[in-house]
N, C-alpha and C. Protein backbone atom coordinates (compact mmCIF):
# COMPACT_ATOMS: atom_id res chain seq x y z
N MET A 1 0.68 -1.14 0.23
CA MET A 1 0.12 -0.11 -0.18
C MET A 1 0.88 1.05 0.28
N THR A 2 2.10 1.04 0.41
CA THR A 2 2.92 2.51 0.93
C THR A 2 3.54 2.97 -0.61
N HIS A 3 3.52 1.78 -1.61
CA HIS A 3 4.19 1.86 -2.86
C HIS A 3 3.00 2.96 -3.81
N PHE A 4 1.58 1.76 -3.59
CA PHE A 4 0.85 3.31 -4.48
C PHE A 4 0.75 4.44 -4.19
N THR A 5 0.51 4.78 -2.66
CA THR A 5 0.27 6.47 -1.77
C THR A 5 1.28 6.45 -2.30
N ALA A 6 2.72 5.83 -2.57
CA ALA A 6 3.99 6.48 -3.10
C ALA A 6 3.82 7.33 -4.36
N PHE A 7 3.49 6.56 -5.55
CA PHE A 7 3.01 6.43 -7.05
C PHE A 7 2.14 7.73 -7.48
N LEU A 8 1.17 7.53 -6.23
CA LEU A 8 0.08 9.39 -6.36
C LEU A 8 0.81 10.40 -6.05
N LYS A 9 1.67 10.55 -4.95
CA LYS A 9 2.09 11.49 -4.58
C LYS A 9 3.22 12.03 -5.70
N ASP A 10 3.90 11.19 -6.33
CA ASP A 10 5.00 11.38 -7.05
C ASP A 10 4.55 12.32 -8.44
N GLU A 11 5.06 13.24 -8.40
CA GLU A 11 4.86 14.62 -9.99
C GLU A 11 5.78 14.50 -10.92
N ASN A 12 6.46 14.10 -11.34
CA ASN A 12 7.58 14.08 -12.41
C ASN A 12 6.93 13.59 -13.15
N GLY A 13 6.56 12.59 -13.68
CA GLY A 13 6.16 12.74 -14.99
C GLY A 13 4.58 13.85 -15.03
N ALA A 14 3.88 14.42 -14.46
CA ALA A 14 3.39 15.28 -14.70
C ALA A 14 3.85 17.03 -15.15
N THR A 15 5.02 16.70 -14.72
CA THR A 15 6.03 18.20 -14.51
C THR A 15 6.65 17.70 -16.16
N ALA A 16 6.69 16.98 -16.85
CA ALA A 16 7.15 16.34 -18.12
C ALA A 16 6.24 17.07 -19.23
N ILE A 17 4.91 16.26 -18.59
CA ILE A 17 3.30 16.37 -19.62
C ILE A 17 3.71 17.87 -20.13
N GLU A 18 3.38 18.40 -18.41
CA GLU A 18 3.18 20.06 -18.66
C GLU A 18 4.16 20.12 -19.65
N TYR A 19 5.35 20.45 -19.98
CA TYR A 19 6.88 20.85 -20.33
C TYR A 19 6.40 20.68 -22.11
N GLY A 20 5.50 19.46 -22.06
CA GLY A 20 5.84 18.98 -23.76
C GLY A 20 4.11 19.36 -24.05
N LEU A 21 3.74 19.65 -23.11
CA LEU A 21 1.73 20.64 -23.49
C LEU A 21 2.50 22.52 -24.03
N ILE A 22 3.78 22.71 -23.49
CA ILE A 22 4.32 24.30 -23.10
C ILE A 22 4.91 24.48 -24.45
N ALA A 23 5.66 23.58 -25.07
CA ALA A 23 6.19 23.10 -26.21
C ALA A 23 5.60 22.85 -27.22
N SER A 24 4.10 22.58 -27.25
CA SER A 24 3.34 22.34 -28.20
C SER A 24 3.00 23.37 -28.51
N LEU A 25 2.27 23.97 -27.59
CA LEU A 25 1.49 25.06 -27.39
C LEU A 25 1.93 26.40 -28.35
N ILE A 26 3.29 26.70 -27.66
CA ILE A 26 4.77 27.24 -28.69
C ILE A 26 4.82 27.19 -30.09
N SER A 27 5.05 25.65 -30.47
CA SER A 27 5.66 25.41 -31.47
C SER A 27 4.11 25.82 -33.06
N VAL A 28 2.80 25.28 -32.01
CA VAL A 28 1.85 26.23 -32.66
C VAL A 28 1.54 27.33 -32.65
N ALA A 29 1.99 27.88 -31.84
CA ALA A 29 2.21 30.01 -32.41
C ALA A 29 2.81 30.55 -32.86
N ILE A 30 3.91 29.46 -33.73
CA ILE A 30 5.12 29.77 -34.06
C ILE A 30 4.23 30.03 -35.79
N ILE A 31 3.83 28.43 -35.45
CA ILE A 31 3.13 28.25 -37.28
C ILE A 31 2.08 29.24 -37.48
N VAL A 32 1.22 29.74 -35.96
CA VAL A 32 0.21 30.51 -36.78
C VAL A 32 0.93 32.07 -37.30
N ALA A 33 2.04 32.28 -36.64
CA ALA A 33 2.88 33.76 -37.18
C ALA A 33 3.55 33.30 -38.34
N LEU A 34 3.80 32.66 -38.64
CA LEU A 34 4.62 31.84 -39.60
C LEU A 34 3.53 32.40 -41.53
N THR A 35 2.43 31.35 -40.94
CA THR A 35 1.45 31.12 -41.80
C THR A 35 0.97 32.80 -41.88
N ALA A 36 0.87 33.71 -41.22
CA ALA A 36 0.37 35.12 -41.61
C ALA A 36 1.78 35.69 -42.25
N LEU A 37 2.56 35.38 -41.29
CA LEU A 37 3.51 36.73 -42.45
C LEU A 37 3.94 35.85 -44.21
N GLY A 38 4.30 34.73 -44.14
CA GLY A 38 3.82 34.21 -45.55
C GLY A 38 2.83 34.62 -46.62
N THR A 39 1.41 34.80 -45.78
CA THR A 39 0.39 34.92 -46.66
C THR A 39 0.52 36.85 -46.63
N GLY A 40 1.03 37.50 -45.44
CA GLY A 40 1.19 39.27 -45.97
C GLY A 40 2.92 38.85 -46.90
N LEU A 41 3.56 37.92 -47.38
CA LEU A 41 4.42 38.54 -48.48
C LEU A 41 4.12 38.74 -49.81
N ASN A 42 3.09 37.32 -49.88
CA ASN A 42 2.60 37.11 -51.39
C ASN A 42 1.78 37.30 -51.53
N SER A 43 0.86 38.33 -50.45
CA SER A 43 0.74 40.32 -50.86
C SER A 43 1.14 40.69 -51.25
N THR A 44 2.77 41.00 -50.62
CA THR A 44 3.20 42.43 -50.71
C THR A 44 3.88 41.97 -52.17
N PHE A 45 4.41 40.78 -52.45
CA PHE A 45 4.89 39.99 -54.01
C PHE A 45 4.15 40.74 -55.16
N THR A 46 2.77 39.82 -54.89
CA THR A 46 1.45 40.34 -55.80
C THR A 46 1.73 41.61 -55.98
N THR A 47 1.76 42.53 -55.42
CA THR A 47 1.15 43.96 -55.87
C THR A 47 2.37 44.60 -56.67
N ILE A 48 3.79 43.91 -56.06
CA ILE A 48 5.17 44.78 -56.34
C ILE A 48 4.98 43.83 -57.69
N THR A 49 5.04 42.95 -58.57
CA THR A 49 4.38 41.83 -59.51
C THR A 49 3.39 43.25 -60.84
N ALA A 50 2.17 42.93 -59.99
CA ALA A 50 1.15 43.90 -60.97
C ALA A 50 1.74 45.58 -61.34
N GLU A 51 2.45 45.55 -60.54
CA GLU A 51 2.96 47.39 -60.39
C GLU A 51 4.41 47.29 -61.93
N LEU A 52 5.01 46.08 -61.85
CA LEU A 52 5.97 46.14 -62.52
C LEU A 52 5.75 45.57 -64.00
N ASN A 53 4.74 44.94 -64.02
CA ASN A 53 3.96 44.75 -65.50
C ASN A 53 3.40 45.76 -66.52
């Protein structure tokens, strides 16, 4: 029974899961930001191409 209560009190795995969630949220934010930047750059280059023609 003491092994079971020690297992329930152990929080090492929970910390690893929290770090994994934080890393995944940061990566999603980076992907969203780069997608928006890419869309803006595409619009800018389309405008420049239209002006040059």
